[in-house]
Amino acid sequence: MTDVIEKPVGTGVIGVGLIGSYHATSLAQRLLGVRLVGLADAMPGVAERRATALGCAFWTSDYQELLRNPAVEAVVIATPAANHADAIVAAAQAGKAVFCEKPIANELADANRAIRAARDAGVILQIGFQRRFDRAFVRARRLVDTSKLGQIQLLRSVTRDPSLDRPERVSPWSIFRETLIHDIDVLRFLAGGAEPVEVYATADALILPDWKARGMLDTAVMTLRYDSGAMATADASFQAVYGYDVRAEVFGSEGMASVGESNSIDLIHHSRAGSTRTRPNWFLDVFGEAYTTELAHFVACVRGQAPLESTGEDGRAALVVALAAIRSVESHRPVRIDEIQP
C-alpha cells in the first residue's frame, strides 16, 4: 500500500510588513504541505523584494490580482487593521480560505461583514491570536479544561512592548484594538468558558504625554467581570525598557497556573541595563514558534484535517470587549458588554 501524497496548499500573503514577512517565510521555509504562491503589498517594491528573497515567482501591488490567481487556495492577511474586513470579504468572495491577523476589524459592523462573507462563501476564517498556539498557554488551558485549577476566580494578563520609537505610526485607540486585544482574547481563552459581561478601563499617555492631544495613548489598564463571577485584570504599555514582557495567570479554587516570568522568591530587577534573569527583547523571540504553529493549524484546517480554532467569532468577541473598554475610557464608567453587542 502506497501513501497518498497530498498536493501542497497554495497560499498567498496580503501585506508583507513585519509580521506578514514572517508569515511568508514560514509558508516558504518552515512548514510542510504548503506552497507560497505569491505576495501582495500596496507599497511599491515591497512584495517584489520579499518574493525574490523567498524564491517566489508571483508578486503584485494589487491583492485582487493575487486573489484571481487560480493557484492560490488560501490567503494570509497581514495588512493594517483598518483594511482587514475588506480583504477578508474579497478573499472569501474569491473562494479562498482566510487567515487574518488580529484584530478582525476596527469596528463591529466590519467584523460582522467579514464573518458573514466567510460564512456565505463556505470558507474558513481563522484570526491570528497566536498565544492560543503557544505551548505554555496551551498547557494552562489544559489545566483549566481538566478542572485541575478548580473554579476559576481571578485572571491576569500583561503585555508590554520594549520601546515606543515611532509614535506617529500608532493609531488612536490601538492600545485596545491591537495590543490589549491579545490579552482580551487570552483571558477569554483561559476563563473556562466564562464570558465577560462588564469592563472598566483607564488609559493615558504616560510615556509621551505630548502625544495625548493627538489621540495616542500608550498605557492602559482594564478590569473585567465574567458571567461566572470571575474577575480579571489586563494592562499594557508601549515601553518596557527592559524588553518584551508578556505574562498571564489563572487562579482558581484548587491552584494557579502562571505563564511567563517564574514566581521565584528571588528578586528580579529589570532596568535599561537588562534583567537579572535573561529575557527576550522582541515579540518574535517569544512567539516565533507559536506564529508558525498557528499557520500549520490553518493549513490543516484548509485540508479538513483539524477543527478550526481562533475563529472569526473569537475575533469579534475580543473586538467587542476592546470597544467596550474604549467607551469606558471615554465615559469614565464601567461598560456592560451588552451595550456594545446586545
Protein backbone atom coordinates (compact mmCIF):
# COMPACT_ATOMS: atom_id res chain seq x y z
CA MET A 1 0.00 0.00 0.00
CA THR A 2 1.44 3.36 -1.00
CA ASP A 3 0.98 6.54 0.99
CA VAL A 4 -1.06 9.25 -0.67
CA ILE A 5 1.00 12.41 -1.09
CA GLU A 6 -1.29 15.37 -0.79
CA LYS A 7 -0.83 18.38 -3.02
CA PRO A 8 0.62 21.34 -1.09
CA VAL A 9 -1.89 24.07 -0.21
CA GLY A 10 -1.21 27.04 -2.46
CA THR A 11 -1.12 30.15 -0.27
CA GLY A 12 -0.66 33.88 -0.78
CA VAL A 13 0.14 36.66 1.66
CA ILE A 14 -1.56 40.06 1.55
CA GLY A 15 0.51 42.66 3.36
CA VAL A 16 4.23 41.97 3.66
CA GLY A 17 5.28 44.18 6.54
CA LEU A 18 6.92 42.83 9.69
CA ILE A 19 4.51 40.04 10.61
CA GLY A 20 3.40 39.43 7.02
CA SER A 21 7.01 38.88 6.03
CA TYR A 22 7.45 36.43 8.90
CA HIS A 23 4.34 34.53 7.84
CA ALA A 24 5.56 34.44 4.24
CA THR A 25 8.88 32.97 5.38
CA SER A 26 7.03 30.34 7.42
CA LEU A 27 4.96 29.35 4.40
CA ALA A 28 8.04 29.19 2.17
CA GLN A 29 10.55 27.59 4.52
CA ARG A 30 9.18 26.40 7.87
CA LEU A 31 6.05 24.43 7.03
CA LEU A 32 5.34 21.21 5.18
CA GLY A 33 2.30 20.66 2.98
CA VAL A 34 2.06 24.27 1.86
CA ARG A 35 3.44 26.29 -1.03
CA LEU A 36 3.91 30.05 -1.11
CA VAL A 37 2.36 31.08 -4.42
CA GLY A 38 2.52 34.85 -4.26
CA LEU A 39 2.74 38.06 -2.25
CA ALA A 40 0.81 41.30 -2.44
CA ASP A 41 1.62 44.64 -0.84
CA ALA A 42 0.41 48.12 -1.76
CA MET A 43 3.82 49.68 -1.10
CA PRO A 44 5.87 49.74 -4.33
CA GLY A 45 8.65 47.18 -4.41
CA VAL A 46 7.87 45.55 -1.06
CA ALA A 47 6.23 42.39 -2.40
CA GLU A 48 8.77 42.03 -5.18
CA ARG A 49 11.77 42.26 -2.84
CA ARG A 50 10.36 39.76 -0.36
CA ALA A 51 9.22 37.37 -3.10
CA THR A 52 12.65 37.45 -4.69
CA ALA A 53 14.31 36.71 -1.35
CA LEU A 54 11.99 33.72 -0.82
CA GLY A 55 12.18 32.36 -4.35
CA CYS A 56 8.52 33.15 -5.01
CA ALA A 57 7.68 33.86 -8.64
CA PHE A 58 4.50 35.93 -8.21
CA TRP A 59 4.12 39.36 -6.64
CA THR A 60 1.80 42.30 -7.08
CA SER A 61 0.80 45.61 -5.53
CA ASP A 62 -2.90 44.76 -6.02
CA TYR A 63 -4.18 41.95 -3.81
CA GLN A 64 -7.16 41.46 -6.11
CA GLU A 65 -4.69 40.19 -8.69
CA LEU A 66 -3.37 37.69 -6.15
CA LEU A 67 -6.93 36.56 -5.39
CA ARG A 68 -7.53 35.94 -9.11
CA ASN A 69 -4.59 33.55 -9.24
CA PRO A 70 -6.12 30.03 -9.51
CA ALA A 71 -3.11 28.50 -7.76
CA VAL A 72 -3.98 30.39 -4.56
CA GLU A 73 -6.28 28.30 -2.36
CA ALA A 74 -5.77 30.24 0.86
CA VAL A 75 -4.54 33.68 1.90
CA VAL A 76 -2.86 35.17 4.94
CA ILE A 77 -3.96 38.77 5.55
CA ALA A 78 -1.46 40.97 7.36
CA THR A 79 -2.43 44.43 6.15
CA PRO A 80 -3.06 47.38 8.51
CA ALA A 81 -6.07 46.61 10.69
CA ALA A 82 -8.33 49.15 9.00
CA ASN A 83 -8.13 47.09 5.79
CA HIS A 84 -8.76 43.67 7.31
CA ALA A 85 -12.51 43.45 6.75
CA ASP A 86 -12.36 44.48 3.07
CA ALA A 87 -9.57 41.97 2.41
CA ILE A 88 -11.45 39.18 4.20
CA VAL A 89 -14.60 39.87 2.20
CA ALA A 90 -12.70 39.97 -1.10
CA ALA A 91 -10.83 36.75 -0.31
CA ALA A 92 -13.99 34.95 0.79
CA GLN A 93 -15.87 36.02 -2.32
CA ALA A 94 -12.95 34.69 -4.37
CA GLY A 95 -13.39 31.32 -2.64
CA LYS A 96 -10.14 31.45 -0.67
CA ALA A 97 -9.68 30.16 2.86
CA VAL A 98 -8.67 33.08 5.08
CA PHE A 99 -6.19 33.57 7.87
CA CYS A 100 -6.31 37.17 9.12
CA GLU A 101 -4.08 38.82 11.66
CA LYS A 102 -5.76 40.37 14.68
CA PRO A 103 -7.91 42.38 15.05
CA ILE A 104 -10.58 41.07 12.73
CA ALA A 105 -11.60 44.71 12.20
CA ASN A 106 -11.66 48.06 13.96
CA GLU A 107 -15.45 48.30 14.11
CA LEU A 108 -18.13 45.76 14.96
CA ALA A 109 -20.08 46.28 11.73
CA ASP A 110 -16.97 45.44 9.71
CA ALA A 111 -16.31 42.34 11.82
CA ASN A 112 -19.87 41.16 11.21
CA ARG A 113 -19.48 41.83 7.49
CA ALA A 114 -16.28 39.78 7.33
CA ILE A 115 -17.75 36.84 9.26
CA ARG A 116 -20.87 36.87 7.11
CA ALA A 117 -18.82 36.87 3.90
CA ALA A 118 -16.80 33.85 5.01
CA ARG A 119 -19.93 32.01 6.11
CA ASP A 120 -21.78 32.78 2.87
CA ALA A 121 -18.81 31.62 0.79
CA GLY A 122 -18.33 28.48 2.87
CA VAL A 123 -14.65 29.23 3.54
CA ILE A 124 -12.79 29.06 6.83
CA LEU A 125 -11.77 32.24 8.65
CA GLN A 126 -9.05 32.00 11.29
CA ILE A 127 -7.92 35.03 13.33
CA GLY A 128 -4.27 35.38 14.33
CA PHE A 129 -4.34 35.09 18.09
CA GLN A 130 -1.01 33.28 18.29
CA ARG A 131 -0.96 32.99 22.09
CA ARG A 132 -3.62 30.28 21.76
CA PHE A 133 -0.95 28.19 19.98
CA ASP A 134 1.94 28.88 22.36
CA ARG A 135 2.85 25.75 24.29
CA ALA A 136 2.72 27.40 27.72
CA PHE A 137 -0.70 28.94 27.12
CA VAL A 138 -1.98 25.64 25.73
CA ARG A 139 -0.80 23.84 28.88
CA ALA A 140 -2.53 26.45 31.06
CA ARG A 141 -5.75 25.98 29.09
CA ARG A 142 -5.47 22.22 29.57
CA LEU A 143 -5.26 22.69 33.35
CA VAL A 144 -8.44 24.79 33.17
CA ASP A 145 -10.27 22.28 30.95
CA THR A 146 -9.38 19.34 33.21
CA SER A 147 -10.57 21.25 36.31
CA LYS A 148 -7.16 20.94 37.97
CA LEU A 149 -7.37 24.61 38.94
CA GLY A 150 -10.90 24.23 40.28
CA GLN A 151 -13.34 27.08 39.86
CA ILE A 152 -11.65 29.95 38.03
CA GLN A 153 -11.81 33.09 40.16
CA LEU A 154 -9.06 35.50 39.07
CA LEU A 155 -7.20 36.03 35.81
CA ARG A 156 -4.43 38.39 34.80
CA SER A 157 -2.68 39.27 31.54
CA VAL A 158 0.17 41.67 30.79
CA THR A 159 1.59 42.97 27.50
CA ARG A 160 4.47 45.44 27.43
CA ASP A 161 6.38 46.31 24.28
CA PRO A 162 10.08 47.20 24.51
CA SER A 163 10.06 50.70 23.02
CA LEU A 164 7.90 53.42 21.54
CA ASP A 165 10.20 54.63 18.79
CA ARG A 166 7.71 55.77 16.16
CA PRO A 167 4.63 57.21 17.87
CA GLU A 168 3.43 58.73 14.60
CA ARG A 169 2.61 55.20 13.43
CA VAL A 170 0.37 54.47 16.43
CA SER A 171 -3.28 54.99 15.57
CA PRO A 172 -5.80 56.23 18.15
CA TRP A 173 -7.09 53.52 20.47
CA SER A 174 -4.65 50.95 19.08
CA ILE A 175 -3.59 50.08 22.63
CA PHE A 176 -7.00 48.42 22.96
CA ARG A 177 -7.74 47.32 19.39
CA GLU A 178 -4.28 46.00 18.52
CA THR A 179 -2.37 45.38 21.77
CA LEU A 180 -4.79 44.57 24.58
CA ILE A 181 -6.88 42.65 22.04
CA HIS A 182 -4.36 39.83 22.65
CA ASP A 183 -4.92 39.98 26.41
CA ILE A 184 -8.69 40.13 25.99
CA ASP A 185 -8.61 37.00 23.86
CA VAL A 186 -6.20 35.06 26.05
CA LEU A 187 -8.24 35.87 29.17
CA ARG A 188 -11.31 34.53 27.40
CA PHE A 189 -9.26 31.52 26.24
CA LEU A 190 -8.31 30.75 29.83
CA ALA A 191 -11.60 31.62 31.54
CA GLY A 192 -13.06 28.11 31.34
CA GLY A 193 -15.96 29.03 29.09
CA ALA A 194 -16.97 32.13 31.03
CA GLU A 195 -17.76 35.25 29.01
CA PRO A 196 -17.05 38.87 30.01
CA VAL A 197 -20.10 40.93 30.96
CA GLU A 198 -18.58 44.23 32.12
CA VAL A 199 -15.40 46.23 31.51
CA TYR A 200 -13.81 49.20 33.23
CA ALA A 201 -10.73 50.75 31.62
CA THR A 202 -8.37 53.68 32.03
CA ALA A 203 -5.72 54.86 29.60
CA ASP A 204 -3.26 57.72 29.30
CA ALA A 205 -0.10 58.93 27.59
CA LEU A 206 2.45 58.33 30.32
CA ILE A 207 5.44 57.63 28.08
CA LEU A 208 4.92 60.51 25.66
CA PRO A 209 2.48 62.95 27.30
CA ASP A 210 2.80 65.45 24.45
CA TRP A 211 1.19 62.95 22.10
CA LYS A 212 -2.03 62.66 24.08
CA ALA A 213 -3.58 65.62 22.28
CA ARG A 214 -3.08 63.72 19.02
CA GLY A 215 -5.07 60.76 20.36
CA MET A 216 -2.12 58.49 21.11
CA LEU A 217 -2.49 56.62 24.40
CA ASP A 218 0.46 54.46 25.40
CA THR A 219 -0.55 52.94 28.76
CA ALA A 220 -3.79 51.23 29.76
CA VAL A 221 -5.38 49.08 32.47
CA MET A 222 -8.59 47.05 32.26
CA THR A 223 -10.70 45.18 34.78
CA LEU A 224 -13.30 42.68 33.64
CA ARG A 225 -16.17 40.77 35.23
CA TYR A 226 -17.36 37.46 33.80
CA ASP A 227 -20.76 35.79 33.83
CA SER A 228 -19.27 33.12 36.13
CA GLY A 229 -18.37 35.76 38.74
CA ALA A 230 -14.66 35.56 37.90
CA MET A 231 -12.65 38.79 37.72
CA ALA A 232 -9.69 39.70 35.52
CA THR A 233 -7.16 42.47 35.02
CA ALA A 234 -5.05 43.32 32.00
CA ASP A 235 -2.51 46.06 31.47
CA ALA A 236 -0.40 47.23 28.57
CA SER A 237 2.46 49.63 27.98
CA PHE A 238 4.22 50.58 24.77
CA GLN A 239 7.60 50.94 26.50
CA ALA A 240 9.18 48.46 28.88
CA VAL A 241 12.84 49.49 28.82
CA TYR A 242 13.92 46.01 29.96
CA GLY A 243 12.43 44.18 26.95
CA TYR A 244 9.30 42.46 25.68
CA ASP A 245 7.10 41.35 28.57
CA VAL A 246 4.10 39.03 28.28
CA ARG A 247 2.67 37.18 31.28
CA ALA A 248 -0.60 35.61 32.36
CA GLU A 249 -2.08 34.00 35.46
CA VAL A 250 -5.15 31.86 36.05
CA PHE A 251 -6.11 31.48 39.70
CA GLY A 252 -8.74 29.02 40.84
CA SER A 253 -10.10 27.34 43.94
CA GLU A 254 -7.59 24.47 43.54
CA GLY A 255 -4.46 26.31 42.41
CA MET A 256 -2.88 28.66 39.91
CA ALA A 257 -1.19 28.48 36.52
CA SER A 258 1.24 31.21 35.51
CA VAL A 259 2.70 31.83 32.07
CA GLY A 260 5.78 33.95 31.54
CA GLU A 261 8.10 35.03 34.27
CA SER A 262 8.69 32.48 37.02
CA ASN A 263 7.41 33.21 40.52
CA SER A 264 10.79 32.61 42.17
CA ILE A 265 11.19 34.24 45.57
CA ASP A 266 14.41 35.77 44.26
CA LEU A 267 14.20 39.44 43.35
CA ILE A 268 14.40 40.11 39.63
CA HIS A 269 15.44 43.65 38.73
CA HIS A 270 14.54 44.98 35.29
CA SER A 271 16.33 48.11 34.07
CA ARG A 272 17.82 49.69 30.96
CA ALA A 273 20.96 47.68 31.64
CA GLY A 274 18.96 44.46 31.32
CA SER A 275 17.45 41.99 33.74
CA THR A 276 18.95 39.82 36.41
CA ARG A 277 17.20 36.97 34.62
CA THR A 278 17.63 36.78 30.84
CA ARG A 279 14.54 37.87 28.96
CA PRO A 280 13.69 38.37 25.28
CA ASN A 281 13.63 41.82 23.75
CA TRP A 282 11.20 41.23 20.85
CA PHE A 283 7.87 39.51 20.33
CA LEU A 284 9.19 37.13 17.68
CA ASP A 285 11.72 35.85 20.19
CA VAL A 286 8.81 34.80 22.40
CA PHE A 287 6.14 33.78 19.91
CA GLY A 288 8.02 32.84 16.73
CA GLU A 289 7.16 29.17 17.18
CA ALA A 290 3.54 29.98 18.02
CA TYR A 291 3.18 32.04 14.83
CA THR A 292 4.38 29.07 12.82
CA THR A 293 2.15 26.65 14.73
CA GLU A 294 -0.97 28.72 14.10
CA LEU A 295 -0.25 28.68 10.35
CA ALA A 296 0.32 24.92 10.47
CA HIS A 297 -3.10 24.64 12.13
CA PHE A 298 -4.61 26.85 9.42
CA VAL A 299 -3.19 24.60 6.68
CA ALA A 300 -4.57 21.52 8.46
CA CYS A 301 -7.99 23.19 8.61
CA VAL A 302 -7.87 24.01 4.89
CA ARG A 303 -7.25 20.30 4.27
CA GLY A 304 -10.10 19.34 6.59
CA GLN A 305 -7.72 17.62 9.00
CA ALA A 306 -8.44 19.72 12.10
CA PRO A 307 -11.34 21.67 13.61
CA LEU A 308 -10.96 25.42 13.28
CA GLU A 309 -9.74 27.30 16.36
CA SER A 310 -9.42 31.05 16.85
CA THR A 311 -12.44 31.71 14.66
CA GLY A 312 -13.95 34.87 13.25
CA GLU A 313 -16.42 34.76 16.12
CA ASP A 314 -13.50 34.73 18.55
CA GLY A 315 -12.13 37.78 16.78
CA ARG A 316 -15.47 39.55 17.08
CA ALA A 317 -15.80 38.65 20.78
CA ALA A 318 -12.41 40.21 21.53
CA LEU A 319 -13.23 43.30 19.48
CA VAL A 320 -16.48 43.83 21.39
CA VAL A 321 -14.56 43.91 24.69
CA ALA A 322 -11.97 46.30 23.22
CA LEU A 323 -14.76 48.62 22.04
CA ALA A 324 -16.37 48.45 25.49
CA ALA A 325 -13.02 49.40 27.03
CA ILE A 326 -12.73 52.39 24.69
CA ARG A 327 -16.22 53.53 25.66
CA SER A 328 -15.30 53.08 29.32
CA VAL A 329 -12.29 55.37 28.94
CA GLU A 330 -14.40 57.95 27.13
CA SER A 331 -17.25 57.86 29.65
CA HIS A 332 -15.22 57.25 32.86
CA ARG A 333 -17.51 54.41 33.92
CA PRO A 334 -17.88 50.64 33.71
CA VAL A 335 -19.45 49.50 30.44
CA ARG A 336 -21.52 46.36 30.03
CA ILE A 337 -20.79 44.16 27.04
CA ASP A 338 -24.43 44.22 26.02
CA GLU A 339 -24.14 47.97 25.47
CA ILE A 340 -21.83 47.18 22.54
CA GLN A 341 -23.35 43.91 21.39
CA PRO A 342 -26.91 43.35 22.64
